[in-house]
């Protein structure tokens, strides 16, 4: 189903939590996870990337993975399922799942994510598809509007043409009725016998 690719990436982002031991106990850095931790997951679990098991020593594959992580995380940030830290100096590639993202993640996971989660990611896919092809969608919408307007007006003019004699007859009879009423209600001429 459309949107499954982005859903799988989202599950990669939402399915990892990194705990570090500090003096106060375990700390997960308030949910912020660095991009390196996502790469480490590929190494630990021997995940497949670009139809091959991930090999960090392969620079081309590593760069492609880092680019894919940043690209998909950016898409998920745009739809508010992930967020980036703001006002961080120097900037870092950290992400965390938002409250909305946690709700959607609770719909299901893995092979059978559930209908609701698939629907959400299908809608997200459509959003990005329309955004990518907005010019074509706009032109198509305007074209469809023109076609519908043309059909409407040709049907209306066809109706008028078919009933044109009836309309002209009704207007003519209306004019004759009005004209006869006008003649009856017009003031009478002056009677000469009443003049002295």
Protein backbone atom coordinates (compact mmCIF):
# COMPACT_ATOMS: atom_id res chain seq x y z
CA UNK A 1 0.00 0.00 0.00
CA UNK A 2 1.17 3.53 -0.72
CA UNK A 3 2.80 5.08 2.32
CA UNK A 4 4.23 1.80 3.67
CA UNK A 5 7.81 2.90 3.00
CA UNK A 6 7.44 6.02 5.15
CA UNK A 7 5.60 3.99 7.81
CA UNK A 8 8.53 1.58 8.04
CA UNK A 9 10.94 4.50 8.45
CA UNK A 10 8.68 5.99 11.13
CA UNK A 11 8.69 2.69 13.00
CA UNK A 12 12.49 2.71 12.84
CA UNK A 13 12.52 6.18 14.42
CA UNK A 14 9.83 5.47 17.01
CA UNK A 15 11.12 2.04 17.94
CA UNK A 16 14.44 3.15 19.40
CA UNK A 17 15.15 4.66 22.80
CA UNK A 18 18.68 5.26 24.00
CA UNK A 19 19.31 5.20 27.76
CA UNK A 20 22.52 6.56 29.18
CA UNK A 21 23.51 6.10 32.80
CA UNK A 22 24.13 9.36 34.61
CA UNK A 23 24.71 10.25 38.27
CA UNK A 24 20.95 10.64 38.67
CA UNK A 25 20.16 7.32 37.00
CA UNK A 26 19.22 6.36 33.43
CA UNK A 27 18.67 9.26 31.08
CA UNK A 28 17.31 9.13 27.57
CA UNK A 29 18.17 12.76 26.81
CA UNK A 30 14.47 13.74 26.93
CA UNK A 31 13.77 11.52 23.96
CA UNK A 32 16.27 13.14 21.58
CA UNK A 33 18.08 10.51 19.54
CA UNK A 34 21.08 11.25 17.39
CA UNK A 35 21.27 10.05 13.82
CA UNK A 36 24.23 7.82 14.75
CA UNK A 37 21.96 5.71 16.97
CA UNK A 38 19.73 4.95 13.98
CA UNK A 39 22.78 3.85 12.02
CA UNK A 40 23.88 1.67 14.96
CA UNK A 41 20.52 -0.09 14.82
CA UNK A 42 21.22 -1.09 11.23
CA UNK A 43 24.59 -2.48 12.37
CA UNK A 44 23.28 -4.30 15.48
CA UNK A 45 20.28 -5.91 13.80
CA UNK A 46 21.93 -6.53 10.41
CA UNK A 47 19.11 -4.66 8.67
CA UNK A 48 18.85 -4.59 4.90
CA UNK A 49 19.40 -1.29 3.13
CA UNK A 50 19.31 -0.89 -0.66
CA UNK A 51 18.74 -4.64 -1.06
CA UNK A 52 21.95 -5.52 0.80
CA UNK A 53 22.84 -6.10 4.45
CA UNK A 54 24.12 -2.83 5.86
CA UNK A 55 27.91 -2.59 5.91
CA UNK A 56 29.29 0.55 7.63
CA UNK A 57 32.66 0.09 5.93
CA UNK A 58 31.00 0.61 2.53
CA UNK A 59 31.19 4.42 2.26
CA UNK A 60 28.69 4.64 -0.61
CA UNK A 61 26.09 2.59 1.26
CA UNK A 62 26.76 4.47 4.52
CA UNK A 63 26.30 7.87 2.84
CA UNK A 64 23.11 6.65 1.16
CA UNK A 65 21.77 5.45 4.53
CA UNK A 66 22.58 8.74 6.28
CA UNK A 67 20.89 10.65 3.41
CA UNK A 68 17.84 8.37 3.61
CA UNK A 69 17.58 8.82 7.39
CA UNK A 70 17.80 12.62 7.11
CA UNK A 71 15.36 12.75 4.18
CA UNK A 72 12.71 10.54 5.80
CA UNK A 73 13.12 12.21 9.20
CA UNK A 74 12.58 15.59 7.50
CA UNK A 75 9.38 14.33 5.86
CA UNK A 76 8.11 13.04 9.21
CA UNK A 77 9.04 16.34 10.87
CA UNK A 78 6.97 18.16 8.26
CA UNK A 79 3.84 16.18 9.21
CA UNK A 80 4.58 16.63 12.95
CA UNK A 81 5.29 12.97 13.75
CA UNK A 82 8.94 13.77 14.56
CA UNK A 83 10.59 16.96 15.69
CA UNK A 84 14.06 18.46 15.62
CA UNK A 85 15.60 20.38 18.52
CA UNK A 86 15.36 24.13 18.08
CA UNK A 87 17.94 26.77 18.92
CA UNK A 88 20.73 24.22 19.36
CA UNK A 89 24.25 25.54 18.89
CA UNK A 90 26.00 23.91 17.16
CA UNK A 91 23.14 22.29 15.22
CA UNK A 92 22.84 18.54 15.61
CA UNK A 93 20.98 15.79 13.82
CA UNK A 94 18.77 14.75 16.71
CA UNK A 95 15.14 13.73 16.41
CA UNK A 96 12.38 12.63 18.73
CA UNK A 97 8.86 11.36 18.30
CA UNK A 98 6.10 13.87 19.08
CA UNK A 99 2.96 13.18 21.13
CA UNK A 100 1.01 12.81 17.90
CA UNK A 101 3.66 10.41 16.64
CA UNK A 102 3.34 8.29 19.82
CA UNK A 103 -0.44 8.11 19.38
CA UNK A 104 -0.11 6.99 15.78
CA UNK A 105 2.64 4.54 16.73
CA UNK A 106 0.26 2.93 19.23
CA UNK A 107 -2.11 1.97 16.37
CA UNK A 108 0.08 -1.02 15.51
CA UNK A 109 3.54 -2.06 14.54
CA UNK A 110 5.51 -4.23 12.14
CA UNK A 111 3.91 -6.64 9.70
CA UNK A 112 0.34 -5.92 10.83
CA UNK A 113 0.24 -2.23 11.77
CA UNK A 114 -3.54 -2.01 11.65
CA UNK A 115 -5.94 -0.28 9.33
CA UNK A 116 -5.80 3.10 11.10
CA UNK A 117 -2.04 3.38 10.91
CA UNK A 118 -1.99 2.31 7.25
CA UNK A 119 -4.69 4.89 6.49
CA UNK A 120 -2.74 7.67 8.23
CA UNK A 121 0.38 6.91 6.21
CA UNK A 122 -1.64 6.60 3.00
CA UNK A 123 -2.99 10.13 3.63
CA UNK A 124 0.55 11.36 4.38
CA UNK A 125 1.70 9.78 1.11
CA UNK A 126 -1.11 11.55 -0.78
CA UNK A 127 -0.14 14.86 0.88
CA UNK A 128 3.46 14.57 -0.33
CA UNK A 129 2.33 13.35 -3.77
CA UNK A 130 0.01 16.34 -4.21
CA UNK A 131 2.72 18.66 -2.89
CA UNK A 132 5.22 17.24 -5.38
CA UNK A 133 2.84 17.47 -8.34
CA UNK A 134 0.83 20.52 -7.24
CA UNK A 135 1.19 22.21 -10.63
CA UNK A 136 -0.28 19.23 -12.45
CA UNK A 137 -3.01 18.88 -9.83
CA UNK A 138 -3.85 22.59 -10.14
CA UNK A 139 -3.94 22.45 -13.94
CA UNK A 140 -6.04 19.27 -13.80
CA UNK A 141 -8.46 20.87 -11.35
CA UNK A 142 -8.81 23.98 -13.49
CA UNK A 143 -9.29 21.81 -16.59
CA UNK A 144 -11.94 19.76 -14.84
CA UNK A 145 -13.68 22.98 -13.73
CA UNK A 146 -13.64 24.27 -17.32
CA UNK A 147 -15.06 20.99 -18.65
CA UNK A 148 -17.86 20.99 -16.06
CA UNK A 149 -18.68 24.64 -16.79
CA UNK A 150 -18.72 23.95 -20.52
CA UNK A 151 -21.01 20.95 -20.04
CA UNK A 152 -23.35 22.96 -17.82
CA UNK A 153 -23.62 25.91 -20.20
CA UNK A 154 -24.05 23.73 -23.31
CA UNK A 155 -26.82 21.82 -21.52
CA UNK A 156 -28.45 25.11 -20.48
CA UNK A 157 -28.23 26.58 -24.00
CA UNK A 158 -29.55 23.29 -25.42
CA UNK A 159 -32.51 23.54 -23.07
CA UNK A 160 -33.10 27.16 -24.10
CA UNK A 161 -32.77 26.33 -27.80
CA UNK A 162 -35.24 23.46 -27.53
CA UNK A 163 -37.71 25.64 -25.68
CA UNK A 164 -36.91 28.86 -27.54
CA UNK A 165 -40.27 28.98 -29.33
CA UNK A 166 -42.10 28.52 -26.04
CA UNK A 167 -40.04 31.28 -24.41
CA UNK A 168 -40.57 33.69 -27.33
CA UNK A 169 -44.31 32.88 -27.34
CA UNK A 170 -44.57 33.49 -23.60
CA UNK A 171 -42.72 36.81 -23.92
CA UNK A 172 -44.93 37.84 -26.89
CA UNK A 173 -48.18 36.94 -25.09
CA UNK A 174 -46.96 38.73 -21.97
CA UNK A 175 -46.20 41.82 -24.05
CA UNK A 176 -49.67 41.74 -25.72
CA UNK A 177 -51.40 41.39 -22.33
CA UNK A 178 -49.36 44.27 -20.94
CA UNK A 179 -50.03 46.40 -24.05
CA UNK A 180 -53.83 45.80 -23.92
CA UNK A 181 -53.85 46.67 -20.20
CA UNK A 182 -51.84 49.82 -21.02
CA UNK A 183 -54.37 50.87 -23.68
CA UNK A 184 -57.32 50.32 -21.34
CA UNK A 185 -55.78 52.26 -18.50
CA UNK A 186 -54.58 55.16 -20.68
CA UNK A 187 -56.42 58.51 -20.01
CA UNK A 188 -59.35 59.27 -22.36
CA UNK A 189 -59.16 62.14 -24.82
CA UNK A 190 -60.76 65.56 -24.04
CA UNK A 191 -64.46 65.83 -24.86
CA UNK A 192 -65.02 68.95 -27.02
CA UNK A 193 -68.65 69.38 -26.00
CA UNK A 194 -67.65 70.22 -22.45
CA UNK A 195 -65.59 73.18 -23.64
CA UNK A 196 -67.32 76.54 -23.65
